[in-house]
Amino acid sequence: MSAVLELKEKTPVSQLPASEFSLYRLRVEDYEKMVEYGIFDEDEKIELWDGILVEMSPKGTKHANAIRRISREIEKKLGERIIFSAQDPIRLDDFSEPEPDVVLLVPPVEKYDFSHPTPKDIYLVMEIADSSIEKDRRKAASYAQNGILQYLLLNLNTNEIEDYREPSADGYRFKKTYTENESFNLVAFPDVEIKVGDLLPPKSEDEQ
């Protein structure tokens, strides 16, 4: 037996390099069956990305209320032209079923009685980020590759919105950052203009 083989046999699996393994990617169907059969605790915050189970970041007070503010502004401007979905699953492709903070869906709501929305049902995806900002930026590539028309990232650290649009296989071709004093429009509804400041929590006394 060679020294290399002998070393591998005596080395715990947890200490072997990743290159030694053929990884199995979970398909959406696998994941949904695991959820259905109660394999995961209801309090476990996980989502499926590219066949891998990923732990979701906890939601703080600012994060949670930002979603409520966004809901109020979007529904005020768009009404029944959209279905507003918050932190619910979407089927991005065969290996990804994320739960974005905000998704604007094509109505009617009855379309989603028996299956999660897919990219053709989605006008816009939006994430709200503070400590998760870099992770949320990396999500842009997957959203672009699956044809999501517009991806918005609300950065609570800088009070800005990063606007990604023009999806392609290589990522979004267009990105622009708007400050809290600026406004932006929606790709699916170009007549609708939204003020960044209307989506942000009020500043604390220390920030004013």
C-alpha atoms as a PDB file:
ATOM      1  CA  MET A   1       0.000   0.000   0.000  1.00  0.00           C
ATOM      2  CA  SER A   2       1.377   3.392  -0.917  1.00  0.00           C
ATOM      3  CA  ALA A   3       2.039   6.024   1.698  1.00  0.00           C
ATOM      4  CA  VAL A   4      -0.575   8.264   0.077  1.00  0.00           C
ATOM      5  CA  LEU A   5      -3.322   5.643   0.289  1.00  0.00           C
ATOM      6  CA  GLU A   6      -2.334   4.755   3.828  1.00  0.00           C
ATOM      7  CA  LEU A   7      -2.599   8.425   4.826  1.00  0.00           C
ATOM      8  CA  LYS A   8      -6.082   8.724   3.297  1.00  0.00           C
ATOM      9  CA  GLU A   9      -7.356   5.634   5.069  1.00  0.00           C
ATOM     10  CA  LYS A  10      -6.202   6.945   8.449  1.00  0.00           C
ATOM     11  CA  THR A  11      -7.447  10.497   7.888  1.00  0.00           C
ATOM     12  CA  PRO A  12     -10.983  11.337   9.119  1.00  0.00           C
ATOM     13  CA  VAL A  13     -13.407  12.167   6.307  1.00  0.00           C
ATOM     14  CA  SER A  14     -13.960  15.639   7.776  1.00  0.00           C
ATOM     15  CA  GLN A  15     -10.264  16.433   7.252  1.00  0.00           C
ATOM     16  CA  LEU A  16      -9.973  15.256   3.656  1.00  0.00           C
ATOM     17  CA  PRO A  17      -9.869  17.953   0.944  1.00  0.00           C
ATOM     18  CA  ALA A  18     -13.112  18.725  -0.873  1.00  0.00           C
ATOM     19  CA  SER A  19     -11.539  17.493  -4.127  1.00  0.00           C
ATOM     20  CA  GLU A  20     -11.777  13.927  -2.755  1.00  0.00           C
ATOM     21  CA  PHE A  21     -15.574  13.982  -2.930  1.00  0.00           C
ATOM     22  CA  SER A  22     -18.225  13.989  -5.626  1.00  0.00           C
ATOM     23  CA  LEU A  23     -20.822  16.326  -4.154  1.00  0.00           C
ATOM     24  CA  TYR A  24     -24.531  15.653  -4.587  1.00  0.00           C
ATOM     25  CA  ARG A  25     -26.618  18.693  -5.463  1.00  0.00           C
ATOM     26  CA  LEU A  26     -30.159  18.674  -4.129  1.00  0.00           C
ATOM     27  CA  ARG A  27     -32.821  19.270  -6.729  1.00  0.00           C
ATOM     28  CA  VAL A  28     -35.831  21.405  -5.893  1.00  0.00           C
ATOM     29  CA  GLU A  29     -37.995  18.268  -5.872  1.00  0.00           C
ATOM     30  CA  ASP A  30     -35.709  16.657  -3.263  1.00  0.00           C
ATOM     31  CA  TYR A  31     -35.792  19.751  -1.103  1.00  0.00           C
ATOM     32  CA  GLU A  32     -39.567  20.144  -1.273  1.00  0.00           C
ATOM     33  CA  LYS A  33     -40.067  16.504  -0.227  1.00  0.00           C
ATOM     34  CA  MET A  34     -37.756  17.055   2.739  1.00  0.00           C
ATOM     35  CA  VAL A  35     -39.838  20.080   3.753  1.00  0.00           C
ATOM     36  CA  GLU A  36     -43.087  18.152   3.225  1.00  0.00           C
ATOM     37  CA  TYR A  37     -41.930  15.253   5.402  1.00  0.00           C
ATOM     38  CA  GLY A  38     -40.884  17.576   8.221  1.00  0.00           C
ATOM     39  CA  ILE A  39     -37.158  16.867   8.038  1.00  0.00           C
ATOM     40  CA  PHE A  40     -36.457  20.491   8.890  1.00  0.00           C
ATOM     41  CA  ASP A  41     -37.687  22.179  12.048  1.00  0.00           C
ATOM     42  CA  GLU A  42     -40.212  24.962  11.361  1.00  0.00           C
ATOM     43  CA  ASP A  43     -37.880  27.460  13.026  1.00  0.00           C
ATOM     44  CA  GLU A  44     -34.937  26.581  10.769  1.00  0.00           C
ATOM     45  CA  LYS A  45     -34.268  29.419   8.341  1.00  0.00           C
ATOM     46  CA  ILE A  46     -32.749  27.791   5.264  1.00  0.00           C
ATOM     47  CA  GLU A  47     -33.110  28.085   1.505  1.00  0.00           C
ATOM     48  CA  LEU A  48     -31.858  26.117  -1.472  1.00  0.00           C
ATOM     49  CA  TRP A  49     -29.204  27.751  -3.675  1.00  0.00           C
ATOM     50  CA  ASP A  50     -27.567  25.851  -6.543  1.00  0.00           C
ATOM     51  CA  GLY A  51     -28.329  22.510  -4.884  1.00  0.00           C
ATOM     52  CA  ILE A  52     -26.880  23.556  -1.508  1.00  0.00           C
ATOM     53  CA  LEU A  53     -28.812  24.290   1.693  1.00  0.00           C
ATOM     54  CA  VAL A  54     -27.893  27.797   2.842  1.00  0.00           C
ATOM     55  CA  GLU A  55     -28.666  29.320   6.226  1.00  0.00           C
ATOM     56  CA  MET A  56     -30.601  32.567   5.922  1.00  0.00           C
ATOM     57  CA  SER A  57     -29.483  35.660   7.790  1.00  0.00           C
ATOM     58  CA  PRO A  58     -31.592  36.665  10.825  1.00  0.00           C
ATOM     59  CA  LYS A  59     -33.924  39.620  10.327  1.00  0.00           C
ATOM     60  CA  GLY A  60     -33.465  42.585  12.648  1.00  0.00           C
ATOM     61  CA  THR A  61     -35.996  45.282  13.486  1.00  0.00           C
ATOM     62  CA  LYS A  62     -34.914  47.639  10.675  1.00  0.00           C
ATOM     63  CA  HIS A  63     -34.947  44.786   8.182  1.00  0.00           C
ATOM     64  CA  ALA A  64     -38.436  43.635   9.147  1.00  0.00           C
ATOM     65  CA  ASN A  65     -39.966  47.094   9.082  1.00  0.00           C
ATOM     66  CA  ALA A  66     -38.267  47.906   5.772  1.00  0.00           C
ATOM     67  CA  ILE A  67     -40.320  45.098   4.245  1.00  0.00           C
ATOM     68  CA  ARG A  68     -43.497  46.652   5.647  1.00  0.00           C
ATOM     69  CA  ARG A  69     -42.535  50.075   4.245  1.00  0.00           C
ATOM     70  CA  ILE A  70     -41.811  48.582   0.825  1.00  0.00           C
ATOM     71  CA  SER A  71     -45.139  46.749   0.869  1.00  0.00           C
ATOM     72  CA  ARG A  72     -46.978  49.964   1.686  1.00  0.00           C
ATOM     73  CA  GLU A  73     -45.275  51.984  -1.061  1.00  0.00           C
ATOM     74  CA  ILE A  74     -45.481  49.322  -3.772  1.00  0.00           C
ATOM     75  CA  GLU A  75     -49.108  48.428  -3.162  1.00  0.00           C
ATOM     76  CA  LYS A  76     -50.042  52.113  -2.988  1.00  0.00           C
ATOM     77  CA  LYS A  77     -48.518  52.717  -6.421  1.00  0.00           C
ATOM     78  CA  LEU A  78     -49.331  49.425  -8.170  1.00  0.00           C
ATOM     79  CA  GLY A  79     -52.417  48.092  -6.421  1.00  0.00           C
ATOM     80  CA  GLU A  80     -53.829  45.027  -8.159  1.00  0.00           C
ATOM     81  CA  ARG A  81     -51.332  45.228 -11.020  1.00  0.00           C
ATOM     82  CA  ILE A  82     -49.039  42.991  -8.941  1.00  0.00           C
ATOM     83  CA  ILE A  83     -49.070  40.354  -6.200  1.00  0.00           C
ATOM     84  CA  PHE A  84     -46.767  41.404  -3.350  1.00  0.00           C
ATOM     85  CA  SER A  85     -44.844  38.473  -1.849  1.00  0.00           C
ATOM     86  CA  ALA A  86     -42.560  38.751   1.204  1.00  0.00           C
ATOM     87  CA  GLN A  87     -40.011  36.090   2.192  1.00  0.00           C
ATOM     88  CA  ASP A  88     -41.829  33.341   0.290  1.00  0.00           C
ATOM     89  CA  PRO A  89     -40.218  30.663  -1.925  1.00  0.00           C
ATOM     90  CA  ILE A  90     -39.692  31.063  -5.649  1.00  0.00           C
ATOM     91  CA  ARG A  91     -38.464  28.302  -7.938  1.00  0.00           C
ATOM     92  CA  LEU A  92     -35.534  29.922  -9.676  1.00  0.00           C
ATOM     93  CA  ASP A  93     -34.373  26.798 -11.541  1.00  0.00           C
ATOM     94  CA  ASP A  94     -34.059  23.032 -10.931  1.00  0.00           C
ATOM     95  CA  PHE A  95     -31.545  23.539  -8.114  1.00  0.00           C
ATOM     96  CA  SER A  96     -32.527  26.829  -6.459  1.00  0.00           C
ATOM     97  CA  GLU A  97     -35.567  27.734  -4.374  1.00  0.00           C
ATOM     98  CA  PRO A  98     -34.644  30.932  -2.515  1.00  0.00           C
ATOM     99  CA  GLU A  99     -36.931  33.034  -0.333  1.00  0.00           C
ATOM    100  CA  PRO A 100     -36.224  36.681  -1.253  1.00  0.00           C
ATOM    101  CA  ASP A 101     -37.340  39.487   1.006  1.00  0.00           C
ATOM    102  CA  VAL A 102     -39.649  40.939  -1.646  1.00  0.00           C
ATOM    103  CA  VAL A 103     -40.976  39.609  -4.954  1.00  0.00           C
ATOM    104  CA  LEU A 104     -43.489  41.301  -7.263  1.00  0.00           C
ATOM    105  CA  LEU A 105     -45.527  38.650  -9.044  1.00  0.00           C
ATOM    106  CA  VAL A 106     -47.774  38.520 -12.077  1.00  0.00           C
ATOM    107  CA  PRO A 107     -51.425  38.202 -10.954  1.00  0.00           C
ATOM    108  CA  PRO A 108     -53.785  36.522 -10.279  1.00  0.00           C
ATOM    109  CA  VAL A 109     -52.904  34.985  -6.923  1.00  0.00           C
ATOM    110  CA  GLU A 110     -54.639  31.737  -7.935  1.00  0.00           C
ATOM    111  CA  LYS A 111     -51.700  31.001 -10.260  1.00  0.00           C
ATOM    112  CA  TYR A 112     -49.679  29.976  -7.208  1.00  0.00           C
ATOM    113  CA  ASP A 113     -52.147  27.651  -5.496  1.00  0.00           C
ATOM    114  CA  PHE A 114     -50.249  24.511  -6.507  1.00  0.00           C
ATOM    115  CA  SER A 115     -46.709  25.614  -7.370  1.00  0.00           C
ATOM    116  CA  HIS A 116     -44.206  28.277  -6.423  1.00  0.00           C
ATOM    117  CA  PRO A 117     -43.620  31.199  -8.819  1.00  0.00           C
ATOM    118  CA  THR A 118     -40.961  30.764 -11.515  1.00  0.00           C
ATOM    119  CA  PRO A 119     -38.973  33.492 -13.343  1.00  0.00           C
ATOM    120  CA  LYS A 120     -41.682  33.985 -15.984  1.00  0.00           C
ATOM    121  CA  ASP A 121     -44.069  34.952 -13.161  1.00  0.00           C
ATOM    122  CA  ILE A 122     -41.747  37.534 -11.602  1.00  0.00           C
ATOM    123  CA  TYR A 123     -41.567  41.269 -12.294  1.00  0.00           C
ATOM    124  CA  LEU A 124     -38.931  42.060  -9.668  1.00  0.00           C
ATOM    125  CA  VAL A 125     -36.869  40.552  -6.840  1.00  0.00           C
ATOM    126  CA  MET A 126     -35.614  42.654  -3.953  1.00  0.00           C
ATOM    127  CA  GLU A 127     -33.331  41.903  -1.016  1.00  0.00           C
ATOM    128  CA  ILE A 128     -32.780  44.054   2.070  1.00  0.00           C
ATOM    129  CA  ALA A 129     -29.233  43.930   3.371  1.00  0.00           C
ATOM    130  CA  ASP A 130     -27.156  45.085   6.299  1.00  0.00           C
ATOM    131  CA  SER A 131     -24.681  42.430   7.470  1.00  0.00           C
ATOM    132  CA  SER A 132     -25.573  40.231   4.451  1.00  0.00           C
ATOM    133  CA  ILE A 133     -24.666  42.796   1.787  1.00  0.00           C
ATOM    134  CA  GLU A 134     -21.868  40.853   0.064  1.00  0.00           C
ATOM    135  CA  LYS A 135     -23.877  37.637   0.012  1.00  0.00           C
ATOM    136  CA  ASP A 136     -26.863  39.456  -1.466  1.00  0.00           C
ATOM    137  CA  ARG A 137     -24.677  41.019  -4.169  1.00  0.00           C
ATOM    138  CA  ARG A 138     -23.484  37.555  -5.198  1.00  0.00           C
ATOM    139  CA  LYS A 139     -27.107  36.491  -5.685  1.00  0.00           C
ATOM    140  CA  ALA A 140     -27.365  38.896  -8.620  1.00  0.00           C
ATOM    141  CA  ALA A 141     -25.571  36.477 -10.960  1.00  0.00           C
ATOM    142  CA  SER A 142     -28.105  33.688 -10.385  1.00  0.00           C
ATOM    143  CA  TYR A 143     -31.050  36.038 -10.756  1.00  0.00           C
ATOM    144  CA  ALA A 144     -29.627  37.381 -14.029  1.00  0.00           C
ATOM    145  CA  GLN A 145     -28.892  33.919 -15.436  1.00  0.00           C
ATOM    146  CA  ASN A 146     -32.495  32.933 -14.783  1.00  0.00           C
ATOM    147  CA  GLY A 147     -33.914  36.001 -16.503  1.00  0.00           C
ATOM    148  CA  ILE A 148     -35.202  38.015 -13.534  1.00  0.00           C
ATOM    149  CA  LEU A 149     -35.948  41.402 -15.133  1.00  0.00           C
ATOM    150  CA  GLN A 150     -34.838  43.545 -12.219  1.00  0.00           C
ATOM    151  CA  TYR A 151     -33.020  42.906  -8.969  1.00  0.00           C
ATOM    152  CA  LEU A 152     -32.979  45.588  -6.283  1.00  0.00           C
ATOM    153  CA  LEU A 153     -30.735  45.579  -3.244  1.00  0.00           C
ATOM    154  CA  LEU A 154     -31.694  47.945  -0.433  1.00  0.00           C
ATOM    155  CA  ASN A 155     -28.533  48.663   1.545  1.00  0.00           C
ATOM    156  CA  LEU A 156     -29.458  49.679   5.089  1.00  0.00           C
ATOM    157  CA  ASN A 157     -25.833  50.506   5.865  1.00  0.00           C
ATOM    158  CA  THR A 158     -25.554  53.292   3.291  1.00  0.00           C
ATOM    159  CA  ASN A 159     -29.253  54.122   2.744  1.00  0.00           C
ATOM    160  CA  GLU A 160     -28.921  53.340  -0.962  1.00  0.00           C
ATOM    161  CA  ILE A 161     -30.555  51.087  -3.523  1.00  0.00           C
ATOM    162  CA  GLU A 162     -28.510  49.092  -6.015  1.00  0.00           C
ATOM    163  CA  ASP A 163     -30.547  48.593  -9.178  1.00  0.00           C
ATOM    164  CA  TYR A 164     -29.595  45.662 -11.430  1.00  0.00           C
ATOM    165  CA  ARG A 165     -31.305  45.209 -14.799  1.00  0.00           C
ATOM    166  CA  GLU A 166     -30.823  43.794 -18.325  1.00  0.00           C
ATOM    167  CA  PRO A 167     -30.210  40.153 -17.325  1.00  0.00           C
ATOM    168  CA  SER A 168     -27.883  37.902 -19.344  1.00  0.00           C
ATOM    169  CA  ALA A 169     -26.025  34.611 -18.946  1.00  0.00           C
ATOM    170  CA  ASP A 170     -23.003  36.605 -17.757  1.00  0.00           C
ATOM    171  CA  GLY A 171     -24.906  38.636 -15.158  1.00  0.00           C
ATOM    172  CA  TYR A 172     -26.739  41.941 -15.273  1.00  0.00           C
ATOM    173  CA  ARG A 173     -25.517  44.343 -17.939  1.00  0.00           C
ATOM    174  CA  PHE A 174     -26.703  47.443 -16.082  1.00  0.00           C
ATOM    175  CA  LYS A 175     -26.229  48.532 -12.495  1.00  0.00           C
ATOM    176  CA  LYS A 176     -26.901  51.888 -10.909  1.00  0.00           C
ATOM    177  CA  THR A 177     -26.860  52.992  -7.284  1.00  0.00           C
ATOM    178  CA  TYR A 178     -29.429  55.503  -6.018  1.00  0.00           C
ATOM    179  CA  THR A 179     -29.052  57.539  -2.841  1.00  0.00           C
ATOM    180  CA  GLU A 180     -31.847  58.205  -0.354  1.00  0.00           C
ATOM    181  CA  ASN A 181     -32.665  61.535  -2.039  1.00  0.00           C
ATOM    182  CA  GLU A 182     -33.122  59.994  -5.494  1.00  0.00           C
ATOM    183  CA  SER A 183     -35.895  58.075  -7.222  1.00  0.00           C
ATOM    184  CA  PHE A 184     -35.915  55.053  -9.535  1.00  0.00           C
ATOM    185  CA  ASN A 185     -38.455  53.319 -11.759  1.00  0.00           C
ATOM    186  CA  LEU A 186     -39.426  49.701 -12.296  1.00  0.00           C
ATOM    187  CA  VAL A 187     -38.506  47.824 -15.479  1.00  0.00           C
ATOM    188  CA  ALA A 188     -41.923  46.158 -15.673  1.00  0.00           C
ATOM    189  CA  PHE A 189     -43.738  49.418 -14.881  1.00  0.00           C
ATOM    190  CA  PRO A 190     -41.632  52.308 -16.234  1.00  0.00           C
ATOM    191  CA  ASP A 191     -44.384  54.797 -15.386  1.00  0.00           C
ATOM    192  CA  VAL A 192     -43.966  54.058 -11.669  1.00  0.00           C
ATOM    193  CA  GLU A 193     -41.364  56.114  -9.816  1.00  0.00           C
ATOM    194  CA  ILE A 194     -40.330  55.302  -6.254  1.00  0.00           C
ATOM    195  CA  LYS A 195     -38.353  57.473  -3.847  1.00  0.00           C
ATOM    196  CA  VAL A 196     -35.545  55.595  -2.119  1.00  0.00           C
ATOM    197  CA  GLY A 197     -36.157  57.565   1.072  1.00  0.00           C
ATOM    198  CA  ASP A 198     -39.741  56.272   1.267  1.00  0.00           C
ATOM    199  CA  LEU A 199     -38.429  52.717   1.669  1.00  0.00           C
ATOM    200  CA  LEU A 200     -35.922  53.497   4.426  1.00  0.00           C
ATOM    201  CA  PRO A 201     -36.392  53.502   8.203  1.00  0.00           C
ATOM    202  CA  PRO A 202     -36.100  56.896   9.937  1.00  0.00           C
ATOM    203  CA  LYS A 203     -32.655  57.868  11.133  1.00  0.00           C
ATOM    204  CA  SER A 204     -31.853  57.509  14.793  1.00  0.00           C
ATOM    205  CA  GLU A 205     -30.870  60.587  16.799  1.00  0.00           C
ATOM    206  CA  ASP A 206     -27.208  59.574  16.488  1.00  0.00           C
ATOM    207  CA  GLU A 207     -27.453  59.530  12.677  1.00  0.00           C
ATOM    208  CA  GLN A 208     -29.239  62.843  12.265  1.00  0.00           C
END
